[in-house]
Protein backbone atom coordinates (compact mmCIF):
# COMPACT_ATOMS: atom_id res chain seq x y z
CA MET A 1 -27.25 -46.78 15.21
CA ARG A 2 -27.60 -43.22 15.88
CA GLY A 3 -24.69 -43.37 17.96
CA SER A 4 -22.84 -44.98 14.90
CA GLU A 5 -24.00 -42.11 12.74
CA ALA A 6 -22.61 -39.56 15.37
CA MET A 7 -19.57 -40.97 15.47
CA HIS A 8 -18.84 -41.15 11.85
CA GLY A 9 -19.87 -37.78 11.75
CA PHE A 10 -17.27 -36.71 14.17
CA ARG A 11 -14.41 -38.41 12.48
CA ALA A 12 -15.49 -36.88 9.07
CA ARG A 13 -15.18 -33.36 10.63
CA LEU A 14 -11.81 -34.55 12.09
CA SER A 15 -10.47 -35.70 9.11
CA GLY A 16 -11.48 -32.07 7.67
CA ALA A 17 -9.94 -30.39 10.39
CA ALA A 18 -6.74 -32.09 10.48
CA PRO A 19 -5.65 -30.51 7.15
CA LEU A 20 -6.72 -27.00 7.84
CA ALA A 21 -4.76 -27.49 11.07
CA GLY A 22 -1.68 -28.66 9.03
CA ASN A 23 -2.15 -26.02 6.58
CA ALA A 24 -1.97 -23.52 9.39
CA ALA A 25 1.00 -24.62 11.24
CA ALA A 26 3.03 -25.64 7.85
CA GLY A 27 2.68 -21.45 7.11
CA LEU A 28 3.61 -20.75 10.37
CA LEU A 29 6.69 -22.72 10.50
CA THR A 30 7.94 -21.59 6.90
CA ALA A 31 7.41 -17.82 8.31
CA LEU A 32 9.80 -18.37 11.35
CA PRO A 33 13.05 -17.58 9.29
CA PHE A 34 11.44 -14.35 8.74
CA LEU A 35 11.00 -13.45 12.46
CA ASP A 36 14.39 -14.55 13.36
CA GLY A 37 16.92 -15.55 10.54
CA ARG A 38 18.73 -18.24 12.79
CA LEU A 39 15.56 -20.26 12.13
CA PHE A 40 16.56 -20.55 8.28
CA PHE A 41 16.08 -24.48 8.88
CA CYS A 42 12.12 -24.15 9.84
CA ALA A 43 11.39 -23.30 6.06
CA TYR A 44 12.26 -26.85 5.27
CA PRO A 45 9.64 -28.62 7.20
CA GLY A 46 7.09 -26.16 6.91
CA LEU A 47 7.22 -26.80 2.96
CA ILE A 48 7.31 -30.64 3.37
CA LEU A 49 4.16 -30.49 5.24
CA PHE A 50 2.47 -27.96 3.07
CA LEU A 51 3.37 -29.70 -0.06
CA ALA A 52 2.49 -33.21 1.38
CA LEU A 53 -1.25 -31.76 2.16
CA ARG A 54 -1.26 -30.15 -1.57
CA PHE A 55 -0.51 -33.47 -3.02
CA ALA A 56 -3.15 -35.25 -1.17
CA ASP A 57 -5.75 -32.76 -1.94
CA GLY A 58 -4.50 -32.77 -6.11
CA GLY A 59 -4.11 -29.05 -5.37
CA ARG A 60 -8.23 -28.90 -5.69
CA ARG A 61 -8.80 -27.22 -2.24
CA PHE A 62 -8.27 -23.47 -3.06
CA GLY A 63 -9.29 -22.48 0.72
CA ARG A 64 -6.73 -24.96 2.40
CA CYS A 65 -3.91 -23.53 0.30
CA TYR A 66 -5.23 -19.55 0.86
CA LEU A 67 -5.11 -20.66 4.59
CA TYR A 68 -1.44 -21.77 4.31
CA ALA A 69 -0.45 -18.75 2.42
CA PHE A 70 -2.29 -16.31 4.85
CA CYS A 71 -0.56 -18.16 7.83
CA PHE A 72 2.63 -17.80 6.34
CA HIS A 73 2.55 -13.91 5.41
CA LEU A 74 0.56 -12.74 8.46
CA PRO A 75 3.40 -13.28 11.09
CA LEU A 76 5.88 -12.16 7.98
CA TYR A 77 4.34 -8.86 7.87
CA SER A 78 3.05 -8.75 11.77
CA PHE A 79 6.09 -5.65 11.91
CA PHE A 80 3.41 -3.08 10.30
CA VAL A 81 1.78 -2.95 13.98
CA ASN A 82 5.19 -0.55 14.88
CA LEU A 83 3.60 1.91 12.21
CA TYR A 84 0.89 2.63 14.94
CA PRO A 85 -0.08 5.42 15.74
CA PHE A 86 1.31 7.04 12.63
CA GLU A 87 3.10 9.87 14.46
CA GLY A 88 3.60 12.92 12.47
CA PHE A 89 0.95 12.13 9.95
CA GLY A 90 -1.98 13.78 11.75
CA LEU A 91 -4.11 10.73 11.58
CA SER A 92 -6.99 10.32 14.21
CA GLN A 93 -6.70 7.39 16.60
CA SER A 94 -9.39 5.48 14.64
CA ALA A 95 -8.08 6.28 11.28
CA ALA A 96 -4.53 4.94 12.84
CA VAL A 97 -6.04 1.59 13.90
CA ALA A 98 -7.92 1.02 10.65
CA VAL A 99 -4.77 2.05 8.40
CA THR A 100 -2.57 -0.68 10.73
CA ILE A 101 -5.36 -3.33 10.48
CA LEU A 102 -5.42 -2.81 6.57
CA ALA A 103 -1.48 -3.24 6.53
CA VAL A 104 -1.30 -6.18 9.32
CA VAL A 105 -4.23 -8.23 7.77
CA GLY A 106 -4.84 -6.95 4.22
CA ILE A 107 -1.51 -7.29 2.53
CA PRO A 108 -1.31 -11.10 3.63
CA ALA A 109 -4.88 -11.33 2.86
CA VAL A 110 -4.14 -10.13 -0.87
CA HIS A 111 -1.06 -12.08 -1.11
CA ALA A 112 -2.29 -15.44 0.08
CA LEU A 113 -5.10 -14.50 -2.56
CA PHE A 114 -2.40 -14.20 -5.50
CA PHE A 115 -0.67 -17.38 -4.13
CA SER A 116 -3.43 -19.50 -4.41
CA ALA A 117 -4.69 -18.44 -7.62
CA VAL A 118 -0.98 -19.40 -8.72
CA PHE A 119 -0.80 -22.63 -6.97
CA VAL A 120 -4.41 -23.74 -8.53
CA LEU A 121 -2.79 -24.83 -11.48
CA LEU A 122 -0.92 -27.69 -9.80
CA ARG A 123 -4.34 -29.34 -10.03
CA PHE A 124 -3.79 -29.97 -13.92
CA VAL A 125 -0.54 -31.98 -13.38
CA ARG A 126 -1.41 -35.46 -14.07
CA ARG A 127 2.30 -36.91 -13.68
CA SER A 128 2.94 -37.14 -9.87
CA ALA A 129 6.51 -37.47 -10.88
CA LEU A 130 6.42 -33.42 -12.18
CA LEU A 131 4.43 -32.18 -9.13
CA PRO A 132 7.58 -30.77 -7.18
CA LEU A 133 8.95 -29.24 -10.11
CA CYS A 134 5.54 -27.56 -10.85
CA ALA A 135 5.07 -26.55 -7.40
CA GLY A 136 8.66 -24.76 -7.47
CA ALA A 137 7.87 -23.24 -10.88
CA LEU A 138 4.68 -21.90 -9.58
CA TRP A 139 6.16 -20.65 -6.37
CA VAL A 140 8.72 -18.44 -8.56
CA ILE A 141 5.84 -17.20 -10.96
CA PHE A 142 3.95 -16.33 -7.45
CA GLU A 143 7.10 -14.25 -6.24
CA TRP A 144 7.30 -12.86 -9.57
CA THR A 145 3.89 -11.82 -9.49
CA LEU A 146 4.51 -9.35 -6.11
CA SER A 147 6.94 -7.51 -8.09
CA LEU A 148 4.39 -6.24 -10.48
CA GLY A 149 2.23 -3.13 -10.49
CA THR A 150 1.81 -0.11 -8.29
CA LEU A 151 1.43 -2.10 -5.22
CA ALA A 152 4.67 -4.15 -5.78
CA PHE A 153 6.05 -5.87 -2.52
CA PRO A 154 8.34 -8.83 -3.47
CA TRP A 155 9.48 -8.55 0.52
CA GLY A 156 9.10 -11.99 1.60
CA THR A 157 10.88 -14.36 -0.86
CA LEU A 158 12.31 -17.67 0.18
CA ALA A 159 15.58 -16.76 -0.56
CA ALA A 160 15.63 -13.83 1.96
CA GLY A 161 14.61 -16.20 4.57
CA GLN A 162 17.98 -18.13 4.12
CA TYR A 163 20.20 -14.83 4.44
CA LEU A 164 22.16 -16.29 7.32
CA PHE A 165 22.72 -19.72 5.54
CA LEU A 166 25.31 -18.69 3.21
CA PRO A 167 25.41 -22.10 1.37
CA ALA A 168 22.05 -22.09 0.41
CA ILE A 169 21.70 -18.82 -1.11
CA GLN A 170 25.13 -18.74 -3.17
CA SER A 171 23.57 -20.20 -6.35
CA ALA A 172 21.71 -17.04 -6.76
CA SER A 173 25.24 -15.71 -8.27
CA LEU A 174 24.52 -18.36 -10.93
CA LEU A 175 20.68 -18.05 -11.70
CA GLY A 176 19.27 -15.49 -9.25
CA SER A 177 17.03 -15.66 -6.22
CA TYR A 178 14.43 -17.32 -7.80
CA PHE A 179 16.47 -20.22 -8.62
CA VAL A 180 16.95 -20.39 -4.90
CA THR A 181 13.33 -20.55 -4.40
CA LEU A 182 12.95 -23.20 -7.54
CA VAL A 183 15.41 -25.52 -5.42
CA ILE A 184 14.12 -25.43 -1.99
CA VAL A 185 10.38 -25.88 -3.10
CA THR A 186 11.47 -28.50 -5.46
CA GLY A 187 13.88 -30.58 -3.08
CA CYS A 188 10.73 -30.14 -0.22
CA GLY A 189 8.49 -31.51 -3.03
CA TYR A 190 9.99 -34.63 -3.35
CA LEU A 191 10.43 -34.93 0.31
CA ALA A 192 6.78 -34.29 0.66
CA LEU A 193 6.20 -37.36 -2.21
CA PHE A 194 8.28 -39.14 0.00
CA VAL A 195 6.05 -38.50 3.13
CA ARG A 196 3.08 -39.72 1.07
CA ARG A 197 4.84 -42.77 -0.48
CA PRO A 198 7.53 -44.12 2.28
CA ALA A 199 8.10 -46.84 0.12
CA GLN A 200 9.28 -45.02 -3.07
CA ARG A 201 12.94 -44.43 -1.79
CA ARG A 202 13.96 -42.62 -4.86
CA LEU A 203 11.66 -39.74 -3.99
CA LEU A 204 13.57 -39.39 -0.58
CA ALA A 205 16.89 -39.72 -2.92
CA ALA A 206 15.65 -36.85 -5.23
CA GLY A 207 14.71 -34.48 -2.18
CA CYS A 208 17.85 -34.86 -0.51
CA GLY A 209 19.91 -34.80 -3.52
CA ILE A 210 18.46 -31.45 -5.06
CA LEU A 211 18.44 -29.80 -1.60
CA ALA A 212 22.01 -31.03 -0.33
CA GLY A 213 23.20 -30.58 -3.99
CA ASN A 214 22.70 -26.99 -3.58
CA ILE A 215 24.35 -26.49 -0.40
CA ALA A 216 27.25 -28.32 -1.59
CA LEU A 217 27.65 -26.23 -4.47
CA GLY A 218 27.15 -23.14 -2.10
CA ALA A 219 30.14 -24.50 -0.17
CA LEU A 220 32.11 -24.86 -3.28
CA LEU A 221 31.11 -21.11 -4.27
CA LEU A 222 31.99 -19.70 -0.96
CA ALA A 223 35.21 -21.28 -1.01
CA LEU A 224 36.29 -19.94 -4.35
CA PRO A 225 38.14 -16.43 -4.04
CA ALA A 226 35.86 -13.39 -4.86
CA GLY A 227 37.98 -11.56 -6.53
CA GLU A 228 38.46 -8.02 -5.13
CA THR A 229 40.45 -4.78 -6.44
CA ASP A 230 41.11 -1.20 -5.15
CA THR A 231 40.20 -1.91 -1.83
CA VAL A 232 39.22 0.97 0.62
CA ARG A 233 38.00 1.73 4.03
CA ALA A 234 34.37 2.45 4.18
CA ALA A 235 32.11 3.26 7.03
CA VAL A 236 28.28 3.41 7.49
CA VAL A 237 27.21 6.11 9.51
CA GLN A 238 23.71 5.31 11.89
CA GLY A 239 22.63 8.53 13.51
CA ASN A 240 19.81 6.95 15.18
CA ILE A 241 17.40 9.89 13.95
CA GLY A 242 13.77 8.11 13.66
CA THR A 243 11.20 9.71 10.99
CA SER A 244 9.02 11.11 13.57
CA GLU A 245 11.71 13.29 15.18
CA LYS A 246 13.78 14.01 12.24
CA TRP A 247 10.55 16.44 11.05
CA GLU A 248 9.96 17.82 14.09
CA SER A 249 10.60 21.88 13.79
CA GLY A 250 13.66 23.08 14.58
CA ARG A 251 15.52 20.04 14.75
CA ALA A 252 17.51 20.58 11.02
CA ALA A 253 20.65 22.27 12.43
CA GLU A 254 21.03 19.66 15.05
CA ILE A 255 20.69 16.73 12.93
CA LEU A 256 23.00 18.06 10.69
CA ALA A 257 25.49 19.08 13.49
CA LEU A 258 25.36 15.18 14.52
CA TYR A 259 25.74 13.61 11.01
CA ALA A 260 28.71 15.90 10.39
CA SER A 261 30.01 14.93 13.54
CA LEU A 262 29.76 10.94 12.95
CA ALA A 263 31.32 11.65 9.62
CA GLU A 264 34.45 13.65 10.83
CA GLN A 265 34.56 10.66 13.06
CA ALA A 266 34.85 8.65 10.44
CA ALA A 267 37.34 10.35 8.46
CA GLN A 268 39.70 10.59 11.50
CA ALA A 269 39.44 6.86 11.68
CA GLY A 270 40.67 6.31 8.35
CA ALA A 271 37.34 6.04 6.20
CA GLU A 272 37.98 6.55 2.69
CA LEU A 273 34.45 6.18 1.72
CA ILE A 274 31.48 7.49 4.11
CA LEU A 275 27.92 6.78 3.55
CA LEU A 276 25.31 8.49 5.56
CA PRO A 277 21.57 7.05 5.16
CA GLU A 278 18.57 8.13 3.48
CA THR A 279 17.50 11.62 3.58
CA ALA A 280 19.80 11.75 6.87
CA VAL A 281 19.17 15.88 7.34
CA PRO A 282 15.86 17.03 6.90
CA VAL A 283 17.21 19.92 4.16
CA TYR A 284 16.62 19.91 0.59
CA PHE A 285 20.58 19.57 -0.94
CA GLU A 286 21.35 22.25 -2.89
CA GLU A 287 24.59 23.22 -4.24
CA GLY A 288 26.54 25.56 -2.27
CA GLY A 289 23.96 24.85 0.47
CA VAL A 290 24.29 24.29 4.27
CA LEU A 291 24.76 20.21 3.62
CA HIS A 292 27.01 20.62 0.46
CA GLN A 293 29.09 23.03 2.74
CA ALA A 294 29.17 20.86 5.81
CA TYR A 295 30.12 17.64 4.17
CA ALA A 296 32.50 19.47 1.25
CA ARG A 297 34.65 20.46 4.27
CA ILE A 298 35.05 17.12 5.99
CA ALA A 299 35.93 15.54 2.46
CA ALA A 300 38.51 18.34 1.96
CA GLU A 301 40.04 18.13 5.19
CA TYR A 302 40.50 14.66 5.10
CA GLY A 303 40.57 13.42 1.68
CA CYS A 304 37.59 11.29 1.82
CA THR A 305 34.34 10.93 -0.15
CA ILE A 306 30.79 11.38 1.53
CA ALA A 307 28.02 9.62 -0.14
CA THR A 308 24.69 10.48 1.17
CA GLY A 309 20.85 10.14 0.69
CA VAL A 310 19.23 13.62 0.21
CA LEU A 311 15.87 15.22 -0.56
CA VAL A 312 16.34 17.78 -4.00
CA ARG A 313 13.77 19.90 -5.54
CA ASP A 314 13.48 19.28 -9.24
CA GLY A 315 10.91 21.95 -10.36
CA ASP A 316 7.48 21.28 -8.81
CA VAL A 317 8.36 17.96 -7.20
CA GLY A 318 10.67 16.27 -4.80
CA ARG A 319 13.28 13.70 -5.27
CA ASN A 320 14.48 10.79 -2.91
CA ALA A 321 18.11 10.75 -4.45
CA LEU A 322 21.63 9.83 -3.38
CA LEU A 323 24.87 11.68 -4.48
CA ALA A 324 28.02 12.27 -3.27
CA VAL A 325 30.45 15.07 -2.24
CA TYR A 326 34.37 14.80 -3.39
CA PRO A 327 37.41 16.04 -1.91
CA ASP A 328 37.73 18.97 -4.34
CA GLY A 329 34.20 20.24 -3.51
CA SER A 330 32.36 18.65 -6.59
CA ILE A 331 29.13 16.99 -6.40
CA SER A 332 28.75 13.60 -8.34
CA GLU A 333 25.80 12.76 -10.92
CA ARG A 334 22.57 12.21 -8.59
CA TYR A 335 20.46 8.96 -8.37
CA ASP A 336 16.77 9.38 -7.92
CA LYS A 337 14.89 6.27 -6.20
CA ARG A 338 12.93 4.24 -8.83
CA HIS A 339 10.44 2.47 -6.69
CA LEU A 340 8.43 4.90 -4.80
CA VAL A 341 7.00 3.82 -1.38
CA PRO A 342 3.13 3.41 -1.87
CA PHE A 343 0.96 5.59 0.66
CA GLY A 344 4.46 6.80 1.98
CA GLU A 345 6.03 8.75 -0.85
CA TYR A 346 2.85 9.08 -3.32
CA LEU A 347 -0.82 7.61 -3.12
CA PRO A 348 -1.25 4.80 -5.89
CA PHE A 349 -4.96 5.03 -7.15
CA GLU A 350 -5.24 8.39 -5.84
CA SER A 351 -8.85 9.76 -7.05
CA LEU A 352 -10.35 6.30 -6.31
CA LEU A 353 -8.83 6.09 -2.61
CA LYS A 354 -9.47 9.58 -1.93
CA LYS A 355 -13.20 8.75 -2.46
CA LEU A 356 -13.22 5.39 -0.46
CA LEU A 357 -10.58 5.97 2.35
CA PRO A 358 -9.92 9.50 2.49
CA PHE A 359 -7.89 9.39 5.75
CA LEU A 360 -4.92 7.58 3.46
CA GLU A 361 -4.09 11.05 1.96
CA ASP A 362 -2.35 11.96 5.13
CA LEU A 363 0.08 8.93 4.85
CA ASN A 364 2.19 11.02 2.38
CA LEU A 365 5.46 12.49 3.67
CA GLY A 366 4.32 16.13 4.17
CA SER A 367 2.87 17.98 1.17
CA THR A 368 5.86 17.36 -1.37
CA GLN A 369 4.59 15.52 -4.24
CA PHE A 370 7.79 12.80 -5.04
CA ALA A 371 8.79 11.69 -8.54
CA ALA A 372 10.42 8.51 -9.11
CA GLY A 373 13.81 8.19 -11.06
CA GLU A 374 13.85 6.26 -14.35
CA ASP A 375 17.57 5.24 -14.94
CA SER A 376 20.31 3.49 -12.98
CA THR A 377 23.29 5.38 -11.92
CA VAL A 378 26.90 4.48 -11.56
CA LEU A 379 28.67 6.96 -8.90
CA PRO A 380 32.47 6.86 -9.02
CA LEU A 381 33.46 6.48 -5.24
CA CYS A 382 36.96 6.44 -4.29
CA GLY A 383 37.87 4.74 -7.30
CA ILE A 384 35.23 2.00 -7.39
CA GLU A 385 32.20 2.49 -10.04
CA THR A 386 29.28 2.00 -7.70
CA GLY A 387 25.70 1.45 -8.21
CA ALA A 388 23.28 3.37 -6.18
CA LEU A 389 20.01 2.22 -4.55
CA VAL A 390 17.29 4.14 -2.10
CA CYS A 391 15.58 1.99 0.38
CA TYR A 392 12.76 -0.07 -1.43
CA ASP A 393 14.99 -0.24 -4.73
CA SER A 394 17.16 -2.93 -2.72
CA ILE A 395 14.20 -5.52 -2.59
CA PHE A 396 13.97 -5.44 -6.60
CA PRO A 397 16.72 -7.50 -8.26
CA PRO A 398 16.39 -6.51 -11.71
CA LEU A 399 17.67 -2.58 -10.65
CA SER A 400 20.77 -3.99 -9.06
CA ALA A 401 21.58 -5.95 -12.26
CA ASP A 402 20.92 -2.74 -14.04
CA SER A 403 23.92 -0.90 -12.30
CA VAL A 404 25.87 -3.88 -12.74
CA LYS A 405 25.63 -4.18 -16.62
CA ASN A 406 26.23 -0.60 -16.65
CA GLY A 407 29.78 -1.05 -14.91
CA ALA A 408 28.82 -1.05 -11.28
CA GLN A 409 31.59 -3.02 -9.31
CA MET A 410 30.08 -2.09 -5.89
CA LEU A 411 26.51 -1.19 -4.39
CA ALA A 412 25.54 1.48 -1.96
CA VAL A 413 22.19 1.31 -0.31
CA VAL A 414 20.71 4.17 1.90
CA THR A 415 17.66 3.49 3.69
CA ASN A 416 15.18 4.66 6.63
CA ASP A 417 13.53 1.40 8.30
CA SER A 418 12.70 3.66 11.41
CA TRP A 419 9.38 3.38 10.81
CA PHE A 420 8.92 0.01 11.93
CA GLY A 421 11.03 0.25 15.41
CA ASN A 422 13.31 -2.81 16.50
CA SER A 423 11.40 -5.35 14.65
CA ALA A 424 11.98 -8.20 12.22
CA ALA A 425 11.38 -5.92 9.40
CA LEU A 426 15.16 -4.57 9.96
CA SER A 427 16.67 -8.05 9.22
CA GLN A 428 14.23 -8.76 6.57
CA HIS A 429 14.82 -5.53 4.59
CA MET A 430 18.84 -6.21 5.24
CA ALA A 431 18.20 -9.75 3.89
CA HIS A 432 17.87 -8.14 0.45
CA SER A 433 21.05 -6.34 0.29
CA VAL A 434 22.75 -9.85 1.18
CA LEU A 435 21.07 -11.46 -1.68
CA ARG A 436 22.15 -8.26 -3.79
CA ALA A 437 25.44 -9.11 -3.02
CA VAL A 438 25.18 -12.48 -3.94
CA GLU A 439 23.46 -12.37 -6.99
CA ASN A 440 25.96 -9.80 -8.43
CA GLY A 441 29.44 -10.84 -6.81
CA VAL A 442 29.99 -7.26 -5.34
CA CYS A 443 30.18 -5.56 -2.20
CA VAL A 444 27.16 -3.59 -0.79
CA VAL A 445 27.50 -0.71 1.64
CA ARG A 446 24.35 0.19 3.33
CA ALA A 447 23.28 2.93 5.73
CA ALA A 448 20.33 2.94 7.73
CA ASN A 449 18.92 5.93 10.02
CA THR A 450 18.25 3.82 13.18
CA GLY A 451 19.46 0.54 11.92
CA ILE A 452 20.43 -1.89 10.75
CA SER A 453 23.51 -0.47 8.78
CA CYS A 454 26.00 -3.18 7.53
CA ILE A 455 28.97 -3.93 4.93
CA VAL A 456 28.31 -6.91 3.05
CA GLY A 457 31.15 -9.08 1.11
CA PRO A 458 30.13 -10.45 -2.47
CA LYS A 459 29.33 -13.80 -0.66
CA GLY A 460 26.92 -12.27 1.19
CA GLU A 461 29.25 -12.46 4.37
CA LEU A 462 28.24 -9.30 6.89
CA ARG A 463 31.83 -7.83 7.31
CA ALA A 464 30.27 -4.86 9.72
CA GLN A 465 26.81 -4.88 11.33
CA THR A 466 25.38 -2.46 13.70
CA GLU A 467 22.82 -2.49 16.43
CA PRO A 468 19.35 -0.97 15.91
CA ASP A 469 18.51 2.26 17.84
CA THR A 470 22.32 3.43 18.46
CA ALA A 471 24.17 6.10 17.10
CA VAL A 472 27.19 4.62 15.54
CA VAL A 473 29.68 4.28 12.95
CA ALA A 474 30.70 0.65 11.61
CA TYR A 475 33.62 0.00 9.22
CA ALA A 476 35.07 -2.63 6.68
CA ASP A 477 37.18 -2.59 3.75
CA VAL A 478 35.77 -3.01 0.78
CA GLY A 479 36.77 -3.36 -3.06
CA ALA A 480 35.88 -3.58 -6.79
CA ALA A 481 34.38 -6.99 -7.97
CA GLU A 482 36.84 -8.19 -10.60
CA ARG A 483 34.45 -10.33 -12.46
CA ARG A 484 30.41 -10.32 -12.95
CA THR A 485 28.66 -13.14 -12.09
CA LEU A 486 26.50 -15.34 -14.79
CA TYR A 487 23.34 -13.86 -12.90
CA SER A 488 24.29 -10.15 -13.76
CA TYR A 489 24.37 -11.53 -17.49
CA VAL A 490 21.48 -13.78 -17.94
CA GLY A 491 18.82 -11.90 -15.41
CA ASP A 492 15.83 -13.97 -14.42
CA ALA A 493 16.15 -16.42 -17.14
CA VAL A 494 14.93 -19.05 -14.60
CA LEU A 495 11.46 -17.24 -14.38
CA TYR A 496 10.84 -17.79 -18.08
CA LEU A 497 11.62 -21.51 -17.73
CA ALA A 498 9.18 -21.71 -15.08
CA PHE A 499 6.68 -20.10 -17.39
CA ALA A 500 7.36 -22.29 -19.78
CA PHE A 501 7.82 -25.51 -17.86
CA VAL A 502 4.29 -25.07 -16.33
CA LEU A 503 2.95 -24.34 -19.76
CA MET A 504 4.04 -27.33 -20.76
CA CYS A 505 2.58 -29.37 -17.96
CA LEU A 506 -0.75 -27.53 -18.67
CA LEU A 507 -0.21 -28.61 -22.61
CA TRP A 508 0.40 -32.15 -21.74
CA ALA A 509 -2.38 -32.50 -19.40
CA TYR A 510 -4.88 -30.98 -22.04
CA ILE A 511 -3.67 -33.61 -24.77
CA GLU A 512 -3.59 -36.51 -22.20
CA LYS A 513 -7.45 -35.55 -21.35
CA ARG A 514 -8.25 -35.25 -24.94
CA THR A 515 -6.53 -38.82 -25.53
CA GLU A 516 -8.59 -40.53 -22.89
CA LYS A 517 -11.82 -39.03 -23.89
CA LYS A 518 -11.39 -40.09 -27.44
CA HIS A 519 -10.33 -43.42 -26.13
CA ASP A 520 -13.50 -43.65 -23.83
CA ARG A 521 -15.77 -42.72 -26.94
CA ASN A 522 -13.93 -45.43 -29.05
CA GLN A 523 -14.55 -48.09 -26.46
CA THR A 524 -18.17 -46.83 -25.96
CA ALA A 525 -18.78 -47.16 -29.55
CA GLN A 526 -17.43 -51.07 -29.58
CA GLN A 527 -19.40 -51.86 -26.77
CA THR A 528 -22.83 -50.55 -28.18
CA GLY A 529 -22.11 -51.79 -31.73
CA VAL A 530 -22.18 -48.09 -32.96
């Protein structure tokens, strides 16, 4: 008897452990495309496994959902290890270890909490046929929550994990990256239902139809001509100067000479538009100053335009900006970075964090107080109206859409990803530039201090790409977009539809539950004769 009870207890523990292991494995599988974009296909079995387990428990197991989300985000954000030991910030070893752990473990923990808090609503969906679509809508809402507030970080979107599988992301030109997420999760959701109910072949047909339909539509959109005019030869310059060495005392003249030499090399090779990375040279840009003079000489001699990321003093604050120097020596309008990096360019919740974790104050770059820009800026570069983005800006789709609405026919991104060494963060960040190109149907020129620098076509194709940790110039032809995409007109309408659908499901569940209770009361009254 006791042996039977022990066996029963063992089986119960085993059956309880299996979903935990399944959720953890599903999370890791879903994360693989972010570690290597060539593994984009791994996201699909990961999502199917997770959703099959989620549908099995009726959406009630908050902890299991949290485990999945944590195991998904932990490898995704593992690149933060490369920040250690935070050279140039003056942190003690213990403080550097603490900050690294906070980034590597804390961010996944918080994002997993958001994910689980959103997905708990799945438990209220009473119609199984609606579960996949509701899961897709909830995932869209989760990705949107990551773009909110002071600590906004919408980094690991499902669409970004598909950036090398161009047919899967072409529908972003119609309804944005949220639509790609909706399609992938919904399609995998129906396949997950089929796993649980293999006799219902229509579930298999629905899941395969949604996923294959998105890919077929993408293939069709890829085959259509992009439509570019005013084509020019563009060059992206990568000086391979990391953040820590950039700010070493006495290096400014040497770094300026390097970038001037690479820019001149690009001009000699026939580049009409030359893009230098974010804060390429550690000198504040001033009209008539050393940077202006160096770039103006090259622009005038070769008849090219040099656009570059610069630091600018604006009264008592600094601006992380992008501007251009034209062949006649004039300076373009300036674009100021709109999304500053928390703990890098400003300290969020400053008064609170200084009391709780005073060493975090040292994470800000120098003693300069940076201010964020407020508006999109369109710069005329070699006859092409170009929307400007600086680093972090590029992971927020509405910013590039704003530029296109204001007349941009191309996008220029300058960034500094040297913080993360040669980790997966480089391709993860670049993936967002690919998505911005597809969403808006425009070319994107992207220059990074240590890589990856690239030139992206309007379909997301990589026309040129550099290797990390090399001083190099990459070239490709780019043109002005002839027409706007549907997404550039409707924006993130899918997000509003997702909210509306979830609210409809919740309302339906509430009405059905009230109806059932009323029915039960009537039956009880009839049976008791009351």
